[in-house]
Amino acid sequence: MSTAGHWFHPVEPSDEAETRLFLLPHAGSGAIIYRDWAELLPPTIAPQAVTLPGRHNRREEETFEKWDPLLDALYEAVVAEIDDRPFAFFGHCLGAQLAYRLTVRLAEDGMPAPALLGTSGWSPIGFFQPTEEQSRMPDPELVEWIKKLGSFPAEVYDNPEMLALVVPALRADLRVAAQYVDDGVTVDCPFVSYGGRSDPLQETDDAMTHWKDRGERYLGHREFPGGHFYIDQHAAAVTADFARHLDRLAATVSG
């Protein structure tokens, strides 16, 4: 899905699309989790999914294990990529954290804001946060844990070669997530949240309600049946809802 050494897939966005959409994946994965989105989104939106170093076609590169260096590198990649078209962020789990903080960082640096921020499978309050110790669980325990989350296709768990590729990237991402510190910062752009009704990582029933305190332009929360990876079963509904918001907002930005 990703070209070696490149942050984004596809490397070049469609010239025909009016808006660009940067997609950020969950811990341990890469652009492949959004493989169907290009077909689900309208032609007005050009998706580019992120693959971090240390996985898929970037697996020869060293993974990031600290929050600040990862955010810095991703920020530089995004800033170098954006053009004069409106753009948006959508992230799931760790990807939602990164999308949120990228939006904050752009505002701090006086850069253009995304037309829309979408966060899925994570909230800054009331969601599970891994610890450094958990990121160092023995392989059998770590594999059993991610099995319960359903975070990878079933065939991965019975394939030692595939697990050998997945586990190091997952460990690195868990260490990154363990360092995240919430400071309550707000965003100025429109934003919307999504989640699974039975997400085992949601530790409090009101977790997703806390998004409303993160900015005055919150567009609300959409909840779907399913667990942490509800997004796999409901990709069509999520993309339709997000695209509806984005096309409206991008037209305002470009106008």
Protein backbone atom coordinates (compact mmCIF):
# COMPACT_ATOMS: atom_id res chain seq x y z
CA MET A 1 0.00 0.00 0.00
CA SER A 2 2.84 2.40 0.72
CA THR A 3 5.88 3.24 -1.35
CA ALA A 4 9.10 2.69 0.60
CA GLY A 5 10.34 5.88 2.22
CA HIS A 6 7.09 7.76 1.65
CA TRP A 7 4.68 8.86 4.37
CA PHE A 8 1.59 8.88 2.16
CA HIS A 9 -0.29 6.52 -0.10
CA PRO A 10 -0.89 7.36 -2.82
CA VAL A 11 2.27 9.44 -3.02
CA GLU A 12 0.58 11.92 -5.34
CA PRO A 13 -3.05 12.91 -4.70
CA SER A 14 -5.57 13.18 -7.49
CA ASP A 15 -5.30 16.47 -9.36
CA GLU A 16 -9.03 16.38 -10.00
CA ALA A 17 -10.12 16.37 -6.36
CA GLU A 18 -11.02 19.65 -4.72
CA THR A 19 -10.05 18.58 -1.18
CA ARG A 20 -7.29 16.45 0.32
CA LEU A 21 -7.82 14.03 3.20
CA PHE A 22 -4.93 12.74 5.31
CA LEU A 23 -5.81 9.42 6.97
CA LEU A 24 -3.94 8.30 10.09
CA PRO A 25 -4.07 4.62 11.17
CA HIS A 26 -4.28 2.86 14.51
CA ALA A 27 -1.29 1.57 16.49
CA GLY A 28 0.76 -1.07 14.72
CA SER A 29 -0.77 -0.55 11.29
CA GLY A 30 -0.38 1.69 8.27
CA ALA A 31 -2.08 2.91 5.11
CA ILE A 32 -3.52 -0.53 4.44
CA ILE A 33 -6.37 -0.05 6.94
CA TYR A 34 -7.83 2.63 4.64
CA ARG A 35 -7.43 0.58 1.46
CA ASP A 36 -11.14 0.78 0.60
CA TRP A 37 -11.66 4.46 1.32
CA ALA A 38 -10.66 5.77 -2.11
CA GLU A 39 -13.59 3.86 -3.61
CA LEU A 40 -15.99 4.89 -0.84
CA LEU A 41 -15.24 8.62 -0.91
CA PRO A 42 -16.61 10.93 -3.61
CA PRO A 43 -14.22 12.06 -6.37
CA THR A 44 -14.17 15.54 -4.83
CA ILE A 45 -11.97 14.18 -2.01
CA ALA A 46 -8.44 12.80 -2.52
CA PRO A 47 -7.44 10.50 0.36
CA GLN A 48 -3.79 9.95 1.28
CA ALA A 49 -3.21 7.42 4.04
CA VAL A 50 -0.19 7.60 6.32
CA THR A 51 2.28 4.79 6.93
CA LEU A 52 4.72 5.45 9.76
CA PRO A 53 8.29 4.12 9.62
CA GLY A 54 8.83 0.53 10.71
CA ARG A 55 5.87 -1.17 9.03
CA HIS A 56 4.62 -2.39 5.66
CA ASN A 57 6.89 -1.07 2.89
CA ARG A 58 8.70 1.15 5.41
CA ARG A 59 9.60 -1.73 7.73
CA GLU A 60 13.33 -1.31 7.07
CA GLU A 61 13.15 2.14 8.65
CA GLU A 62 13.56 2.69 12.39
CA THR A 63 10.31 3.06 14.30
CA PHE A 64 9.58 6.06 16.49
CA GLU A 65 9.24 5.22 20.17
CA LYS A 66 8.82 8.75 21.55
CA TRP A 67 5.82 11.00 21.12
CA ASP A 68 7.49 14.35 20.36
CA PRO A 69 9.88 13.16 17.63
CA LEU A 70 7.06 11.26 15.92
CA LEU A 71 4.73 14.26 15.96
CA ASP A 72 7.54 16.53 14.73
CA ALA A 73 8.37 14.24 11.80
CA LEU A 74 4.73 13.75 10.83
CA TYR A 75 4.07 17.48 11.07
CA GLU A 76 6.98 18.22 8.74
CA ALA A 77 5.72 15.63 6.26
CA VAL A 78 2.20 17.10 6.25
CA VAL A 79 3.39 20.72 5.95
CA ALA A 80 5.60 19.78 3.01
CA GLU A 81 2.66 18.05 1.35
CA ILE A 82 -0.25 20.50 1.64
CA ASP A 83 -1.01 22.72 -1.33
CA ASP A 84 -3.54 25.47 -1.96
CA ARG A 85 -6.50 23.09 -1.68
CA PRO A 86 -8.51 22.65 1.53
CA PHE A 87 -7.42 19.59 3.50
CA ALA A 88 -8.71 17.49 6.37
CA PHE A 89 -7.49 14.93 8.92
CA PHE A 90 -9.13 11.68 9.96
CA GLY A 91 -7.53 9.31 12.45
CA HIS A 92 -8.45 6.13 14.31
CA CYS A 93 -7.13 5.38 17.83
CA LEU A 94 -3.46 6.50 17.87
CA GLY A 95 -4.22 8.12 14.52
CA ALA A 96 -6.93 10.21 16.21
CA GLN A 97 -4.43 11.41 18.81
CA LEU A 98 -1.97 12.37 16.10
CA ALA A 99 -4.62 14.08 13.96
CA TYR A 100 -5.79 16.11 16.96
CA ARG A 101 -2.26 17.21 17.88
CA LEU A 102 -1.35 17.98 14.27
CA THR A 103 -4.33 20.33 14.17
CA VAL A 104 -3.17 22.01 17.38
CA ARG A 105 0.39 22.31 16.08
CA LEU A 106 -0.69 23.90 12.80
CA ALA A 107 -2.60 26.57 14.73
CA GLU A 108 0.35 27.22 17.04
CA ASP A 109 2.61 27.78 14.04
CA GLY A 110 0.15 30.01 12.21
CA MET A 111 -0.36 27.49 9.43
CA PRO A 112 -3.64 26.88 7.56
CA ALA A 113 -6.14 24.88 9.57
CA PRO A 114 -7.81 21.74 8.30
CA ALA A 115 -11.31 22.23 6.96
CA LEU A 116 -12.36 19.33 9.19
CA LEU A 117 -10.82 17.09 11.85
CA GLY A 118 -12.25 13.61 12.31
CA THR A 119 -11.40 11.47 15.35
CA SER A 120 -12.37 7.83 15.75
CA GLY A 121 -11.92 5.25 18.49
CA TRP A 122 -10.34 7.63 20.97
CA SER A 123 -11.16 10.52 23.28
CA PRO A 124 -8.72 12.56 25.39
CA ILE A 125 -10.65 11.62 28.54
CA GLY A 126 -12.10 8.24 29.49
CA PHE A 127 -10.14 6.06 27.06
CA PHE A 128 -7.53 3.42 27.83
CA GLN A 129 -3.95 4.65 27.68
CA PRO A 130 -1.20 2.03 27.55
CA THR A 131 1.71 2.11 29.94
CA GLU A 132 5.39 1.66 29.20
CA GLU A 133 5.21 -1.68 31.05
CA GLN A 134 2.37 -2.92 28.85
CA SER A 135 4.36 -2.09 25.74
CA ARG A 136 7.00 -4.53 26.99
CA MET A 137 4.68 -7.48 27.60
CA PRO A 138 6.08 -10.82 26.42
CA ASP A 139 5.01 -11.65 22.88
CA PRO A 140 2.41 -14.30 23.86
CA GLU A 141 0.66 -11.86 26.25
CA LEU A 142 0.77 -9.02 23.75
CA VAL A 143 -0.68 -11.22 21.00
CA GLU A 144 -3.50 -12.42 23.28
CA TRP A 145 -4.29 -8.82 24.17
CA ILE A 146 -4.54 -7.63 20.57
CA LYS A 147 -6.62 -10.72 19.75
CA LYS A 148 -9.24 -9.54 22.23
CA LEU A 149 -9.30 -6.16 20.53
CA GLY A 150 -9.63 -7.73 17.10
CA SER A 151 -6.99 -5.33 15.90
CA PHE A 152 -5.68 -7.46 13.05
CA PRO A 153 -7.20 -10.05 10.69
CA ALA A 154 -7.53 -13.51 12.25
CA GLU A 155 -4.97 -15.04 9.88
CA VAL A 156 -2.23 -12.80 11.32
CA TYR A 157 -2.25 -14.57 14.68
CA ASP A 158 -1.53 -18.01 13.21
CA ASN A 159 1.25 -16.80 10.96
CA PRO A 160 4.59 -16.36 12.78
CA GLU A 161 6.10 -14.43 9.87
CA MET A 162 3.25 -11.92 9.84
CA LEU A 163 3.33 -11.57 13.63
CA ALA A 164 7.05 -10.89 13.45
CA LEU A 165 6.25 -7.89 11.24
CA VAL A 166 3.30 -6.61 13.29
CA VAL A 167 4.50 -6.91 16.89
CA PRO A 168 7.56 -4.58 16.75
CA ALA A 169 5.54 -1.75 15.18
CA LEU A 170 2.73 -2.26 17.69
CA ARG A 171 5.16 -2.15 20.60
CA ALA A 172 6.69 1.08 19.32
CA ASP A 173 3.28 2.70 18.92
CA LEU A 174 2.20 1.61 22.41
CA ARG A 175 5.30 3.29 23.83
CA VAL A 176 4.46 6.44 21.90
CA ALA A 177 0.86 6.42 23.16
CA ALA A 178 2.04 5.83 26.74
CA GLN A 179 3.83 9.20 26.65
CA TYR A 180 0.79 11.20 25.60
CA VAL A 181 -0.20 13.88 28.13
CA ASP A 182 -3.56 15.61 27.77
CA ASP A 183 -3.48 19.37 28.36
CA GLY A 184 -7.08 20.17 27.48
CA VAL A 185 -6.11 22.25 24.45
CA THR A 186 -8.90 23.23 22.06
CA VAL A 187 -9.03 23.40 18.26
CA ASP A 188 -10.46 26.23 16.18
CA CYS A 189 -11.56 24.21 13.15
CA PRO A 190 -14.74 22.13 12.80
CA PHE A 191 -14.37 18.60 14.18
CA VAL A 192 -16.44 15.46 14.50
CA SER A 193 -16.01 12.19 16.40
CA TYR A 194 -16.91 8.53 15.75
CA GLY A 195 -16.87 5.40 17.87
CA GLY A 196 -18.00 1.83 18.43
CA ARG A 197 -20.76 1.22 20.96
CA SER A 198 -18.91 -1.74 22.54
CA ASP A 199 -15.34 -0.45 22.32
CA PRO A 200 -13.36 -2.26 25.05
CA LEU A 201 -10.88 0.62 25.19
CA GLN A 202 -13.59 3.08 26.23
CA GLU A 203 -13.27 3.06 30.02
CA THR A 204 -16.12 5.42 30.90
CA ASP A 205 -19.59 5.65 29.37
CA ASP A 206 -19.26 9.40 28.85
CA ALA A 207 -15.79 9.30 27.24
CA MET A 208 -16.84 10.61 23.84
CA THR A 209 -18.88 13.47 25.35
CA HIS A 210 -15.63 15.16 26.37
CA TRP A 211 -14.93 16.13 22.76
CA LYS A 212 -17.52 18.89 23.06
CA ASP A 213 -15.14 20.76 25.39
CA ARG A 214 -12.32 20.76 22.82
CA GLY A 215 -13.64 23.55 20.60
CA GLU A 216 -16.62 25.67 19.73
CA ARG A 217 -17.12 24.09 16.30
CA TYR A 218 -17.83 20.51 17.36
CA LEU A 219 -20.21 18.80 14.93
CA GLY A 220 -21.15 15.97 17.26
CA HIS A 221 -20.55 12.25 17.70
CA ARG A 222 -21.66 9.29 15.58
CA GLU A 223 -21.81 5.91 17.31
CA PHE A 224 -21.97 2.57 15.52
CA PRO A 225 -22.52 -1.03 16.60
CA GLY A 226 -19.28 -2.88 17.26
CA GLY A 227 -16.06 -2.72 19.21
CA HIS A 228 -12.83 -0.83 18.75
CA PHE A 229 -12.64 -1.78 15.09
CA TYR A 230 -16.25 -0.99 14.29
CA ILE A 231 -14.77 1.13 11.51
CA ASP A 232 -14.02 -1.97 9.41
CA GLN A 233 -17.69 -2.95 9.25
CA HIS A 234 -19.07 0.58 8.97
CA ALA A 235 -16.54 2.22 6.64
CA ALA A 236 -19.24 3.13 4.11
CA ALA A 237 -21.36 4.94 6.71
CA VAL A 238 -18.38 6.69 8.29
CA THR A 239 -16.99 7.90 4.97
CA ALA A 240 -20.43 9.07 3.82
CA ASP A 241 -20.96 11.11 6.98
CA PHE A 242 -17.45 12.55 7.00
CA ALA A 243 -17.55 13.40 3.29
CA ARG A 244 -20.90 15.15 3.71
CA HIS A 245 -19.41 17.44 6.36
CA LEU A 246 -16.14 17.90 4.48
CA ASP A 247 -17.61 18.82 1.10
CA ARG A 248 -19.77 21.49 2.76
CA LEU A 249 -16.95 22.92 4.86
CA ALA A 250 -14.31 22.77 2.12
CA ALA A 251 -16.58 24.76 -0.17
CA THR A 252 -16.71 27.45 2.51
CA VAL A 253 -12.93 27.45 2.90
CA SER A 254 -12.20 27.62 -0.83
CA GLY A 255 -14.85 30.23 -1.35
